[in-house]
Each structure stands twice: as C-alpha cells, then as structure tokens.
Amino acid sequence: MAAGQKRNVLVYAQAKKALDQMKYEISKELNIDTSPIQGDYWGNMTARDCGAVGGHMVKRMIEAAERTLSQQAVANVQAGFQAGMASQQQVNQNVTNPNLNLNTLDQHY
C-alpha cells in the first residue's frame, strides 16, 4: 500500500494520545532505542522492536479489560446479593404463621 492510502480509522480518536504515550512508556521499559523514530513515524524501527512494543500494549489492554470485567462482575454479584437479602427480609416480615401467634398462646394452654 502506498503512502497516503491509510484505511485504518480510529474508533476513538481521543485515545490516540494515550496509546502513543503507552507506546513510548513500554519501549522505555523494554530498553528499546527510540532514536530512529522521526516525529510519529516508527518505520525506521526494526519489526522485532515494534512487534514487542505492540505485543506488550495488547497484553496490558487485555489485562485492563479483564480487571474491569471482574470488578463489574463483583459489583453485580454484590448488588444481586443485597437485593436478595432485602427481598428475603420483606418476605420474613410479611409471613405470619398462625401456629406462632403469641396472642392466642394463653387461650390454648
């Protein structure tokens, strides 16, 4: 594909800056030399280095998504448990057992 024929469209354009920042942070952590980068062009970097940075980016994004999903699941379980406890308390308050009526206890014995 020739230069200028970019077909990739950003879903969230606001995330570009954060992703670029993540890219540089990861390359720094991996001790990858970023001096060949000219502006925002990583074409002078080796494919191995770019792949390592991209792989670590994906790994971190998956970890973040899993963490978010697990937190949502815990919140849903807690909300369901609390709702269940509240409905159980209502049932316990509304149920009257004629055998346990203390007002008539003296009359039977």
N, C-alpha and C. Protein backbone atom coordinates (compact mmCIF):
# COMPACT_ATOMS: atom_id res chain seq x y z
N MET A 1 0.85 -1.16 0.00
CA MET A 1 0.00 0.00 0.00
C MET A 1 0.90 1.23 0.00
N ALA A 2 0.65 2.15 -0.85
CA ALA A 2 1.47 3.36 -0.96
C ALA A 2 1.18 4.31 0.18
N ALA A 3 2.11 5.21 0.40
CA ALA A 3 1.93 6.21 1.47
C ALA A 3 0.71 7.07 1.16
N GLY A 4 -0.05 7.39 2.18
CA GLY A 4 -1.23 8.23 1.98
C GLY A 4 -2.50 7.45 1.78
N GLN A 5 -2.41 6.12 1.67
CA GLN A 5 -3.60 5.30 1.48
C GLN A 5 -3.95 4.58 2.77
N LYS A 6 -4.08 5.33 3.81
CA LYS A 6 -4.38 4.75 5.12
C LYS A 6 -5.86 4.37 5.18
N ARG A 7 -6.13 3.13 5.46
CA ARG A 7 -7.51 2.65 5.53
C ARG A 7 -7.98 2.45 6.98
N ASN A 8 -7.05 2.46 7.92
CA ASN A 8 -7.44 2.27 9.31
C ASN A 8 -8.09 3.56 9.83
N VAL A 9 -9.24 3.40 10.44
CA VAL A 9 -9.95 4.54 11.01
C VAL A 9 -10.02 4.35 12.52
N LEU A 10 -9.66 5.38 13.26
CA LEU A 10 -9.70 5.30 14.70
C LEU A 10 -11.14 5.28 15.19
N VAL A 11 -11.45 4.36 16.07
CA VAL A 11 -12.79 4.29 16.64
C VAL A 11 -12.97 5.42 17.64
N TYR A 12 -11.98 5.62 18.49
CA TYR A 12 -11.99 6.70 19.46
C TYR A 12 -10.75 7.55 19.23
N ALA A 13 -10.92 8.64 18.55
CA ALA A 13 -9.78 9.49 18.22
C ALA A 13 -9.13 10.06 19.48
N GLN A 14 -9.89 10.20 20.57
CA GLN A 14 -9.36 10.74 21.80
C GLN A 14 -8.32 9.80 22.43
N ALA A 15 -8.36 8.53 22.09
CA ALA A 15 -7.45 7.55 22.68
C ALA A 15 -6.08 7.55 22.02
N LYS A 16 -5.92 8.23 20.89
CA LYS A 16 -4.65 8.21 20.16
C LYS A 16 -3.50 8.72 21.02
N LYS A 17 -3.72 9.81 21.72
CA LYS A 17 -2.66 10.39 22.54
C LYS A 17 -2.26 9.43 23.66
N ALA A 18 -3.23 8.81 24.30
CA ALA A 18 -2.95 7.86 25.38
C ALA A 18 -2.21 6.63 24.85
N LEU A 19 -2.61 6.15 23.68
CA LEU A 19 -1.93 4.99 23.08
C LEU A 19 -0.50 5.32 22.68
N ASP A 20 -0.29 6.51 22.15
CA ASP A 20 1.07 6.93 21.81
C ASP A 20 1.93 7.02 23.06
N GLN A 21 1.37 7.56 24.12
CA GLN A 21 2.11 7.67 25.38
C GLN A 21 2.45 6.27 25.90
N MET A 22 1.50 5.36 25.82
CA MET A 22 1.73 3.98 26.26
C MET A 22 2.84 3.35 25.43
N LYS A 23 2.84 3.62 24.14
CA LYS A 23 3.84 3.07 23.24
C LYS A 23 5.25 3.47 23.67
N TYR A 24 5.43 4.75 23.99
CA TYR A 24 6.74 5.23 24.40
C TYR A 24 7.12 4.72 25.79
N GLU A 25 6.15 4.60 26.70
CA GLU A 25 6.44 4.07 28.04
C GLU A 25 6.90 2.62 27.96
N ILE A 26 6.22 1.83 27.15
CA ILE A 26 6.59 0.42 27.02
C ILE A 26 7.94 0.28 26.35
N SER A 27 8.21 1.07 25.33
CA SER A 27 9.51 0.98 24.67
C SER A 27 10.63 1.36 25.63
N LYS A 28 10.35 2.30 26.53
CA LYS A 28 11.35 2.69 27.53
C LYS A 28 11.56 1.54 28.52
N GLU A 29 10.47 0.90 28.96
CA GLU A 29 10.58 -0.22 29.90
C GLU A 29 11.32 -1.41 29.29
N LEU A 30 11.16 -1.61 27.99
CA LEU A 30 11.82 -2.72 27.30
C LEU A 30 13.23 -2.36 26.85
N ASN A 31 13.68 -1.17 27.17
CA ASN A 31 15.00 -0.67 26.78
C ASN A 31 15.20 -0.70 25.27
N ILE A 32 14.18 -0.30 24.55
CA ILE A 32 14.25 -0.23 23.10
C ILE A 32 14.66 1.18 22.72
N ASP A 33 15.65 1.26 21.85
CA ASP A 33 16.16 2.56 21.39
C ASP A 33 15.13 3.23 20.49
N THR A 34 14.64 4.39 20.91
CA THR A 34 13.63 5.10 20.12
C THR A 34 14.22 6.24 19.31
N SER A 35 15.54 6.28 19.21
CA SER A 35 16.16 7.37 18.44
C SER A 35 15.83 7.33 16.95
N PRO A 36 15.61 6.15 16.33
CA PRO A 36 15.25 6.15 14.90
C PRO A 36 13.86 6.72 14.61
N ILE A 37 13.04 6.95 15.64
CA ILE A 37 11.69 7.46 15.42
C ILE A 37 11.79 8.92 15.00
N GLN A 38 11.16 9.25 13.88
CA GLN A 38 11.16 10.62 13.38
C GLN A 38 9.73 11.14 13.44
N GLY A 39 9.51 12.05 14.38
CA GLY A 39 8.16 12.55 14.58
C GLY A 39 7.31 11.44 15.17
N ASP A 40 6.31 10.99 14.42
CA ASP A 40 5.47 9.90 14.86
C ASP A 40 5.66 8.68 13.95
N TYR A 41 6.70 8.69 13.16
CA TYR A 41 6.97 7.63 12.18
C TYR A 41 7.90 6.59 12.77
N TRP A 42 7.40 5.38 12.93
CA TRP A 42 8.18 4.29 13.50
C TRP A 42 8.75 3.36 12.42
N GLY A 43 8.69 3.78 11.17
CA GLY A 43 9.11 2.95 10.05
C GLY A 43 10.58 2.61 10.05
N ASN A 44 11.40 3.38 10.72
CA ASN A 44 12.83 3.11 10.76
C ASN A 44 13.21 2.16 11.90
N MET A 45 12.22 1.76 12.70
CA MET A 45 12.47 0.81 13.78
C MET A 45 12.43 -0.60 13.21
N THR A 46 13.07 -1.54 13.91
CA THR A 46 13.02 -2.93 13.44
C THR A 46 11.63 -3.50 13.72
N ALA A 47 11.24 -4.46 12.91
CA ALA A 47 9.94 -5.11 13.08
C ALA A 47 9.88 -5.83 14.42
N ARG A 48 11.00 -6.36 14.85
CA ARG A 48 11.07 -7.06 16.13
C ARG A 48 10.76 -6.11 17.28
N ASP A 49 11.35 -4.92 17.26
CA ASP A 49 11.13 -3.94 18.32
C ASP A 49 9.69 -3.43 18.31
N CYS A 50 9.19 -3.12 17.11
CA CYS A 50 7.80 -2.64 17.01
C CYS A 50 6.83 -3.72 17.44
N GLY A 51 7.10 -4.96 17.09
CA GLY A 51 6.24 -6.07 17.49
C GLY A 51 6.24 -6.28 18.99
N ALA A 52 7.41 -6.12 19.60
CA ALA A 52 7.50 -6.27 21.05
C ALA A 52 6.68 -5.19 21.75
N VAL A 53 6.79 -3.96 21.27
CA VAL A 53 6.03 -2.86 21.86
C VAL A 53 4.54 -3.10 21.66
N GLY A 54 4.14 -3.45 20.45
CA GLY A 54 2.72 -3.71 20.17
C GLY A 54 2.18 -4.87 20.97
N GLY A 55 2.96 -5.92 21.11
CA GLY A 55 2.53 -7.08 21.88
C GLY A 55 2.31 -6.75 23.35
N HIS A 56 3.22 -5.97 23.92
CA HIS A 56 3.06 -5.56 25.31
C HIS A 56 1.88 -4.61 25.48
N MET A 57 1.63 -3.78 24.48
CA MET A 57 0.47 -2.88 24.55
C MET A 57 -0.83 -3.69 24.61
N VAL A 58 -0.93 -4.69 23.74
CA VAL A 58 -2.12 -5.54 23.69
C VAL A 58 -2.28 -6.29 25.00
N LYS A 59 -1.16 -6.80 25.52
CA LYS A 59 -1.20 -7.54 26.78
C LYS A 59 -1.75 -6.66 27.90
N ARG A 60 -1.29 -5.43 27.99
CA ARG A 60 -1.75 -4.51 29.04
C ARG A 60 -3.21 -4.12 28.85
N MET A 61 -3.63 -3.92 27.61
CA MET A 61 -5.03 -3.57 27.37
C MET A 61 -5.95 -4.73 27.73
N ILE A 62 -5.53 -5.96 27.46
CA ILE A 62 -6.33 -7.12 27.82
C ILE A 62 -6.40 -7.25 29.34
N GLU A 63 -5.28 -7.03 30.03
CA GLU A 63 -5.28 -7.08 31.49
C GLU A 63 -6.24 -6.03 32.06
N ALA A 64 -6.22 -4.83 31.49
CA ALA A 64 -7.10 -3.76 31.98
C ALA A 64 -8.56 -4.12 31.73
N ALA A 65 -8.86 -4.71 30.58
CA ALA A 65 -10.24 -5.10 30.27
C ALA A 65 -10.70 -6.22 31.20
N GLU A 66 -9.82 -7.19 31.47
CA GLU A 66 -10.18 -8.27 32.39
C GLU A 66 -10.42 -7.74 33.79
N ARG A 67 -9.58 -6.81 34.23
CA ARG A 67 -9.74 -6.21 35.55
C ARG A 67 -11.08 -5.48 35.65
N THR A 68 -11.42 -4.73 34.61
CA THR A 68 -12.69 -4.00 34.59
C THR A 68 -13.87 -4.96 34.61
N LEU A 69 -13.81 -6.03 33.81
CA LEU A 69 -14.89 -7.01 33.78
C LEU A 69 -15.06 -7.71 35.12
N SER A 70 -13.95 -8.05 35.76
CA SER A 70 -14.06 -8.73 37.05
C SER A 70 -14.63 -7.80 38.11
N GLN A 71 -14.27 -6.52 38.07
CA GLN A 71 -14.83 -5.56 39.01
C GLN A 71 -16.33 -5.38 38.78
N GLN A 72 -16.75 -5.37 37.53
CA GLN A 72 -18.17 -5.26 37.22
C GLN A 72 -18.92 -6.51 37.69
N ALA A 73 -18.31 -7.68 37.51
CA ALA A 73 -18.95 -8.92 37.94
C ALA A 73 -19.12 -8.94 39.45
N VAL A 74 -18.09 -8.51 40.17
CA VAL A 74 -18.18 -8.46 41.63
C VAL A 74 -19.27 -7.49 42.06
N ALA A 75 -19.32 -6.33 41.42
CA ALA A 75 -20.35 -5.33 41.75
C ALA A 75 -21.75 -5.89 41.48
N ASN A 76 -21.92 -6.62 40.38
CA ASN A 76 -23.22 -7.22 40.06
C ASN A 76 -23.61 -8.29 41.07
N VAL A 77 -22.65 -9.10 41.49
CA VAL A 77 -22.94 -10.14 42.47
C VAL A 77 -23.33 -9.50 43.80
N GLN A 78 -22.59 -8.46 44.20
CA GLN A 78 -22.91 -7.79 45.45
C GLN A 78 -24.29 -7.15 45.39
N ALA A 79 -24.62 -6.52 44.28
CA ALA A 79 -25.93 -5.89 44.14
C ALA A 79 -27.03 -6.94 44.16
N GLY A 80 -26.81 -8.06 43.50
CA GLY A 80 -27.79 -9.14 43.50
C GLY A 80 -27.97 -9.74 44.88
N PHE A 81 -26.88 -9.91 45.59
CA PHE A 81 -26.95 -10.44 46.95
C PHE A 81 -27.73 -9.50 47.86
N GLN A 82 -27.43 -8.21 47.77
CA GLN A 82 -28.14 -7.24 48.60
C GLN A 82 -29.62 -7.18 48.26
N ALA A 83 -29.94 -7.26 46.98
CA ALA A 83 -31.34 -7.26 46.56
C ALA A 83 -32.04 -8.52 47.07
N GLY A 84 -31.35 -9.64 47.00
CA GLY A 84 -31.92 -10.89 47.51
C GLY A 84 -32.15 -10.85 49.01
N MET A 85 -31.21 -10.27 49.72
CA MET A 85 -31.37 -10.15 51.18
C MET A 85 -32.53 -9.22 51.52
N ALA A 86 -32.68 -8.14 50.78
CA ALA A 86 -33.77 -7.20 51.03
C ALA A 86 -35.12 -7.86 50.76
N SER A 87 -35.22 -8.62 49.68
CA SER A 87 -36.48 -9.28 49.37
C SER A 87 -36.77 -10.38 50.39
N GLN A 88 -35.73 -11.05 50.88
CA GLN A 88 -35.92 -12.09 51.90
C GLN A 88 -36.41 -11.47 53.20
N GLN A 89 -35.91 -10.30 53.55
CA GLN A 89 -36.37 -9.61 54.76
C GLN A 89 -37.84 -9.21 54.62
N GLN A 90 -38.23 -8.77 53.43
CA GLN A 90 -39.63 -8.41 53.20
C GLN A 90 -40.52 -9.64 53.34
N VAL A 91 -40.09 -10.76 52.81
CA VAL A 91 -40.86 -11.99 52.89
C VAL A 91 -40.99 -12.40 54.35
N ASN A 92 -39.91 -12.31 55.10
CA ASN A 92 -39.94 -12.69 56.51
C ASN A 92 -40.86 -11.78 57.32
N GLN A 93 -40.94 -10.53 56.97
CA GLN A 93 -41.80 -9.60 57.68
C GLN A 93 -43.26 -9.80 57.33
N ASN A 94 -43.55 -10.21 56.11
CA ASN A 94 -44.94 -10.35 55.65
C ASN A 94 -45.55 -11.70 56.00
N VAL A 95 -44.75 -12.69 56.30
CA VAL A 95 -45.26 -14.03 56.56
C VAL A 95 -45.66 -14.11 58.04
N THR A 96 -46.91 -14.51 58.26
CA THR A 96 -47.39 -14.74 59.63
C THR A 96 -47.81 -16.18 59.73
N ASN A 97 -47.39 -16.83 60.76
CA ASN A 97 -47.71 -18.23 60.98
C ASN A 97 -48.76 -18.29 62.08
N PRO A 98 -49.95 -18.81 61.81
CA PRO A 98 -50.98 -18.84 62.84
C PRO A 98 -50.59 -19.70 64.03
N ASN A 99 -49.73 -20.66 63.85
CA ASN A 99 -49.30 -21.52 64.96
C ASN A 99 -48.37 -20.79 65.92
N LEU A 100 -47.79 -19.69 65.45
CA LEU A 100 -46.86 -18.96 66.29
C LEU A 100 -47.45 -17.66 66.79
N ASN A 101 -48.74 -17.50 66.78
CA ASN A 101 -49.38 -16.28 67.24
C ASN A 101 -49.34 -16.26 68.77
N LEU A 102 -48.59 -15.37 69.34
CA LEU A 102 -48.40 -15.31 70.78
C LEU A 102 -49.65 -14.80 71.51
N ASN A 103 -50.53 -14.09 70.84
CA ASN A 103 -51.75 -13.57 71.48
C ASN A 103 -52.70 -14.70 71.86
N THR A 104 -52.71 -15.77 71.09
CA THR A 104 -53.63 -16.88 71.36
C THR A 104 -52.96 -18.00 72.12
N LEU A 105 -51.73 -17.82 72.49
CA LEU A 105 -50.99 -18.88 73.17
C LEU A 105 -51.62 -19.24 74.51
N ASP A 106 -52.03 -18.24 75.28
CA ASP A 106 -52.61 -18.49 76.58
C ASP A 106 -53.98 -19.17 76.47
N GLN A 107 -54.68 -18.93 75.40
CA GLN A 107 -56.02 -19.48 75.25
C GLN A 107 -55.98 -20.99 75.02
N HIS A 108 -54.94 -21.48 74.37
CA HIS A 108 -54.86 -22.90 74.07
C HIS A 108 -54.33 -23.70 75.25
N TYR A 109 -53.57 -23.11 76.12
CA TYR A 109 -52.93 -23.88 77.19
C TYR A 109 -53.43 -23.43 78.52
